[in-house]
Amino acid sequence: MTATLILYGSRARGDARPNSDVDILLAPDEGQIGKPKKFDGLSLHIYPKNWLFENARSGDLFAYHIASEGLSIHCADAFLTSLHEAFRWKASYEKEREIALAVATLLSRTSWGWNDAIQRRFFWAIRTLALTLQADRQSVDFSLASIDEALGLDGFSDLFEGRDKVTSEDCIAMGAKLLERYSQFKSVSSEDISEMLMSSGGIGLNTVMVLETEQAIDSGSLATYL
C-alpha cells in the first residue's frame, strides 16, 4: 500500500465559501496522527489508514466524514471505498453528545480572548452536538447549512465561517443561545463539569488542560515563551 491524499470538507462537498479552507488529508499506512499544518488557506491533516479503519469500525464520525465525502487526490479511490464499507453506526451517540455539551457549556462560561486552541474546541463542541443528533438517525450531512438545521438555531454557520475574526464574546453569546435549548448542564457547576471531562479522557481532558493553561497565563503564574 502507499500513502494517499484526500480532499475533504466544504471544498469536496462543493459548498465552500470564498474564505473556506482547502482541507487535505494525508493518510500513510501506519504511524501517528500528525499536528495540523496551515499554509495560507490550505490545511493539511495527517491520519494513518489503520487509525481511520479502526475508528470507522467503531462508528467514529470523523472517519465517516472522510469515507462519505472525501475525494481522491492521489491513490485514494480504493481506500475510500474500503473505509466506507468498514464503517458501522453506533447504537447511540449520546455519550459523544454529552461530552460536546459539557465542553460547550464550560467554554461558554469563560472569556478566552483570542486563544485559537480554545476557540477550535468550542467550534468542535457545537458541530459535534449537531452531528450526533443526526447520527442517531444514521444519516449525517456535514454541510454548515445542515448543522444550523440540526441545532435549530440560525447563525452558527456564519460564525463558523468567520472563525478567524470572531471574538470569544461572539462565541459565548452563540453558546448561551444554544444552551437554552440543550440545558443538560445549566445547573451544574464548572468545577463538576471539569471533573467529568477530565475523567472522560480524550478531547474532554484535553479541553480542561488547555483552558486551565490559558487561565494560568492570564493570572501570570505560568511562564510564556514567545
Protein backbone atom coordinates (compact mmCIF):
# COMPACT_ATOMS: atom_id res chain seq x y z
CA MET A 1 0.00 0.00 0.00
CA THR A 2 1.01 3.65 -0.30
CA ALA A 3 0.15 6.96 1.30
CA THR A 4 -2.93 8.67 -0.14
CA LEU A 5 -4.05 12.28 -0.43
CA ILE A 6 -7.72 13.17 0.06
CA LEU A 7 -9.66 16.40 -0.31
CA TYR A 8 -12.47 16.73 2.24
CA GLY A 9 -14.65 19.38 3.86
CA SER A 10 -16.52 22.14 2.07
CA ARG A 11 -14.23 22.10 -0.99
CA ALA A 12 -15.03 18.43 -1.52
CA ARG A 13 -18.77 18.91 -0.88
CA GLY A 14 -18.99 21.87 -3.23
CA ASP A 15 -20.48 24.30 -0.69
CA ALA A 16 -17.29 26.24 0.08
CA ARG A 17 -17.42 29.97 0.65
CA PRO A 18 -14.70 32.33 -0.67
CA ASN A 19 -12.78 32.20 2.62
CA SER A 20 -13.20 28.46 3.24
CA ASP A 21 -10.04 26.44 3.86
CA VAL A 22 -8.86 23.74 1.50
CA ASP A 23 -8.71 20.66 3.75
CA ILE A 24 -6.26 17.95 2.69
CA LEU A 25 -5.84 14.60 4.44
CA LEU A 26 -2.56 12.72 4.12
CA ALA A 27 -3.13 9.06 5.05
CA PRO A 28 0.02 6.93 5.40
CA ASP A 29 -0.44 3.21 6.01
CA GLU A 30 0.60 3.44 9.66
CA GLY A 31 2.05 5.89 12.15
CA GLN A 32 0.84 8.64 14.44
CA ILE A 33 -1.73 11.38 13.99
CA GLY A 34 0.16 14.49 12.91
CA LYS A 35 -0.27 18.03 14.11
CA PRO A 36 -2.34 20.02 11.55
CA LYS A 37 -0.41 22.45 9.37
CA LYS A 38 -1.85 25.56 7.71
CA PHE A 39 -0.45 27.25 4.63
CA ASP A 40 -2.32 30.38 3.51
CA GLY A 41 -5.80 28.83 3.39
CA LEU A 42 -4.68 25.22 2.95
CA SER A 43 -4.94 22.89 5.96
CA LEU A 44 -3.00 19.61 5.96
CA HIS A 45 -4.05 16.85 8.37
CA ILE A 46 -2.27 13.52 8.87
CA TYR A 47 -4.28 10.46 9.93
CA PRO A 48 -2.88 6.96 9.30
CA LYS A 49 -5.06 4.45 7.47
CA ASN A 50 -5.01 1.89 10.28
CA TRP A 51 -6.37 4.57 12.68
CA LEU A 52 -9.12 5.55 10.24
CA PHE A 53 -10.17 1.91 9.69
CA GLU A 54 -10.25 1.20 13.42
CA ASN A 55 -12.35 4.26 14.08
CA ALA A 56 -14.68 3.58 11.15
CA ARG A 57 -15.45 0.15 12.59
CA SER A 58 -16.29 1.77 15.93
CA GLY A 59 -18.66 4.37 14.42
CA ASP A 60 -16.41 7.42 14.62
CA LEU A 61 -17.97 10.36 12.76
CA PHE A 62 -14.70 11.83 11.52
CA ALA A 63 -13.91 8.54 9.81
CA TYR A 64 -17.44 8.61 8.33
CA HIS A 65 -16.82 12.17 7.15
CA ILE A 66 -13.73 11.10 5.22
CA ALA A 67 -15.36 7.93 3.87
CA SER A 68 -18.59 9.59 2.72
CA GLU A 69 -17.36 12.96 1.44
CA GLY A 70 -13.65 12.59 0.70
CA LEU A 71 -12.37 12.92 -2.87
CA SER A 72 -9.21 11.23 -4.06
CA ILE A 73 -6.30 13.47 -4.98
CA HIS A 74 -3.75 10.65 -5.08
CA CYS A 75 -4.29 6.87 -4.84
CA ALA A 76 -7.34 7.09 -2.56
CA ASP A 77 -10.33 5.69 -4.50
CA ALA A 78 -9.99 2.09 -3.31
CA PHE A 79 -9.12 3.22 0.21
CA LEU A 80 -12.21 5.45 0.48
CA THR A 81 -14.45 2.61 -0.74
CA SER A 82 -12.96 0.21 1.82
CA LEU A 83 -13.28 2.80 4.59
CA HIS A 84 -16.96 3.35 3.78
CA GLU A 85 -17.59 -0.40 3.80
CA ALA A 86 -15.83 -0.71 7.18
CA PHE A 87 -17.98 1.93 8.87
CA ARG A 88 -20.56 0.77 11.43
CA TRP A 89 -23.06 3.07 13.13
CA LYS A 90 -23.16 3.13 16.90
CA ALA A 91 -26.48 2.30 18.53
CA SER A 92 -26.39 5.76 20.12
CA TYR A 93 -24.14 8.81 20.09
CA GLU A 94 -25.42 10.06 23.43
CA LYS A 95 -22.00 9.83 25.11
CA GLU A 96 -20.33 11.94 22.43
CA ARG A 97 -23.19 14.44 22.66
CA GLU A 98 -22.81 14.65 26.44
CA ILE A 99 -19.10 15.45 26.15
CA ALA A 100 -19.74 18.03 23.42
CA LEU A 101 -22.40 19.73 25.56
CA ALA A 102 -20.12 19.72 28.58
CA VAL A 103 -17.28 21.32 26.58
CA ALA A 104 -19.65 23.91 25.07
CA THR A 105 -21.10 24.75 28.48
CA LEU A 106 -17.71 25.13 30.15
CA LEU A 107 -16.30 27.31 27.38
CA SER A 108 -19.47 29.43 27.23
CA ARG A 109 -18.75 30.45 30.82
CA THR A 110 -15.21 31.61 30.11
CA SER A 111 -13.78 34.55 28.18
CA TRP A 112 -10.72 33.27 26.33
CA GLY A 113 -9.74 36.34 24.35
CA TRP A 114 -8.00 35.30 21.12
CA ASN A 115 -6.86 31.82 22.16
CA ASP A 116 -7.11 29.77 18.96
CA ALA A 117 -6.76 26.42 20.75
CA ILE A 118 -9.76 27.12 22.97
CA GLN A 119 -11.83 28.54 20.10
CA ARG A 120 -11.21 25.44 17.98
CA ARG A 121 -12.57 23.29 20.81
CA PHE A 122 -15.65 25.49 21.09
CA PHE A 123 -16.46 25.03 17.39
CA TRP A 124 -15.70 21.32 17.67
CA ALA A 125 -18.21 21.00 20.51
CA ILE A 126 -21.04 22.78 18.69
CA ARG A 127 -20.53 20.86 15.45
CA THR A 128 -20.25 17.55 17.33
CA LEU A 129 -23.52 18.27 19.11
CA ALA A 130 -25.28 18.77 15.78
CA LEU A 131 -23.65 15.77 14.11
CA THR A 132 -24.56 13.39 16.94
CA LEU A 133 -28.18 14.48 16.72
CA GLN A 134 -28.10 13.47 13.06
CA ALA A 135 -26.07 10.32 13.67
CA ASP A 136 -28.68 8.87 15.99
CA ARG A 137 -30.85 8.76 12.86
CA GLN A 138 -27.95 7.14 10.95
CA SER A 139 -27.87 9.94 8.42
CA VAL A 140 -25.24 12.68 8.65
CA ASP A 141 -24.77 15.73 6.45
CA PHE A 142 -21.62 17.70 7.29
CA SER A 143 -22.60 20.88 5.44
CA LEU A 144 -22.91 24.01 7.56
CA ALA A 145 -26.50 24.52 6.44
CA SER A 146 -27.42 21.12 7.85
CA ILE A 147 -25.59 21.96 11.09
CA ASP A 148 -27.79 25.04 11.55
CA GLU A 149 -30.87 22.95 10.81
CA ALA A 150 -29.91 20.19 13.25
CA LEU A 151 -29.26 22.73 16.00
CA GLY A 152 -32.50 24.58 15.31
CA LEU A 153 -30.56 27.82 15.63
CA ASP A 154 -29.68 30.22 12.81
CA GLY A 155 -26.29 31.87 12.69
CA PHE A 156 -23.81 29.18 13.68
CA SER A 157 -22.67 28.59 10.10
CA ASP A 158 -21.88 32.30 9.66
CA LEU A 159 -19.99 32.34 12.95
CA PHE A 160 -18.02 29.25 11.94
CA GLU A 161 -17.11 30.62 8.52
CA GLY A 162 -15.83 33.81 10.15
CA ARG A 163 -13.98 31.99 12.93
CA ASP A 164 -10.67 33.67 12.12
CA LYS A 165 -12.18 37.04 13.02
CA VAL A 166 -14.85 36.37 15.68
CA THR A 167 -14.13 37.08 19.33
CA SER A 168 -14.68 34.84 22.32
CA GLU A 169 -17.62 37.10 23.24
CA ASP A 170 -19.29 36.29 19.90
CA CYS A 171 -18.84 32.57 20.58
CA ILE A 172 -20.08 32.85 24.15
CA ALA A 173 -23.23 34.66 23.00
CA MET A 174 -23.93 31.90 20.46
CA GLY A 175 -23.18 29.23 23.05
CA ALA A 176 -25.59 30.81 25.54
CA LYS A 177 -28.42 30.73 22.98
CA LEU A 178 -27.69 27.14 22.12
CA LEU A 179 -27.53 26.00 25.73
CA GLU A 180 -31.00 27.42 26.32
CA ARG A 181 -32.15 24.57 24.07
CA TYR A 182 -29.81 21.95 25.48
CA SER A 183 -29.67 22.76 29.18
CA GLN A 184 -28.33 19.46 30.50
CA PHE A 185 -25.51 21.17 32.38
CA LYS A 186 -27.17 24.51 33.13
CA SER A 187 -27.31 23.92 36.89
CA VAL A 188 -24.02 22.00 37.09
CA SER A 189 -21.00 23.90 38.42
CA SER A 190 -17.99 24.50 36.20
CA GLU A 191 -15.88 22.55 38.69
CA ASP A 192 -18.11 19.49 38.36
CA ILE A 193 -18.15 19.77 34.56
CA SER A 194 -14.34 19.98 34.51
CA GLU A 195 -14.09 16.93 36.74
CA MET A 196 -16.42 14.97 34.47
CA LEU A 197 -14.47 15.98 31.36
CA MET A 198 -11.15 15.06 32.95
CA SER A 199 -12.44 11.61 33.82
CA SER A 200 -13.68 11.14 30.23
CA GLY A 201 -10.19 11.47 28.77
CA GLY A 202 -9.63 12.40 25.13
CA ILE A 203 -10.95 15.74 23.94
CA GLY A 204 -12.69 16.37 27.27
CA LEU A 205 -9.49 16.08 29.29
CA ASN A 206 -7.58 17.99 26.63
CA THR A 207 -10.07 20.88 26.75
CA VAL A 208 -9.78 21.26 30.51
CA MET A 209 -5.99 21.21 30.29
CA VAL A 210 -5.94 23.88 27.55
CA LEU A 211 -8.43 26.03 29.45
CA GLU A 212 -6.51 25.78 32.73
CA THR A 213 -3.29 26.69 30.93
CA GLU A 214 -4.93 29.79 29.45
CA GLN A 215 -6.22 30.82 32.86
CA ALA A 216 -2.76 30.30 34.34
CA ILE A 217 -1.27 32.53 31.64
CA ASP A 218 -3.87 35.21 32.36
CA SER A 219 -3.06 35.13 36.07
CA GLY A 220 0.67 35.49 35.39
CA SER A 221 1.55 32.25 37.14
CA LEU A 222 2.87 30.44 34.07
CA ALA A 223 5.98 31.44 32.15
CA THR A 224 5.18 32.05 28.49
CA TYR A 225 7.81 31.96 25.76
CA LEU A 226 7.09 33.93 22.57
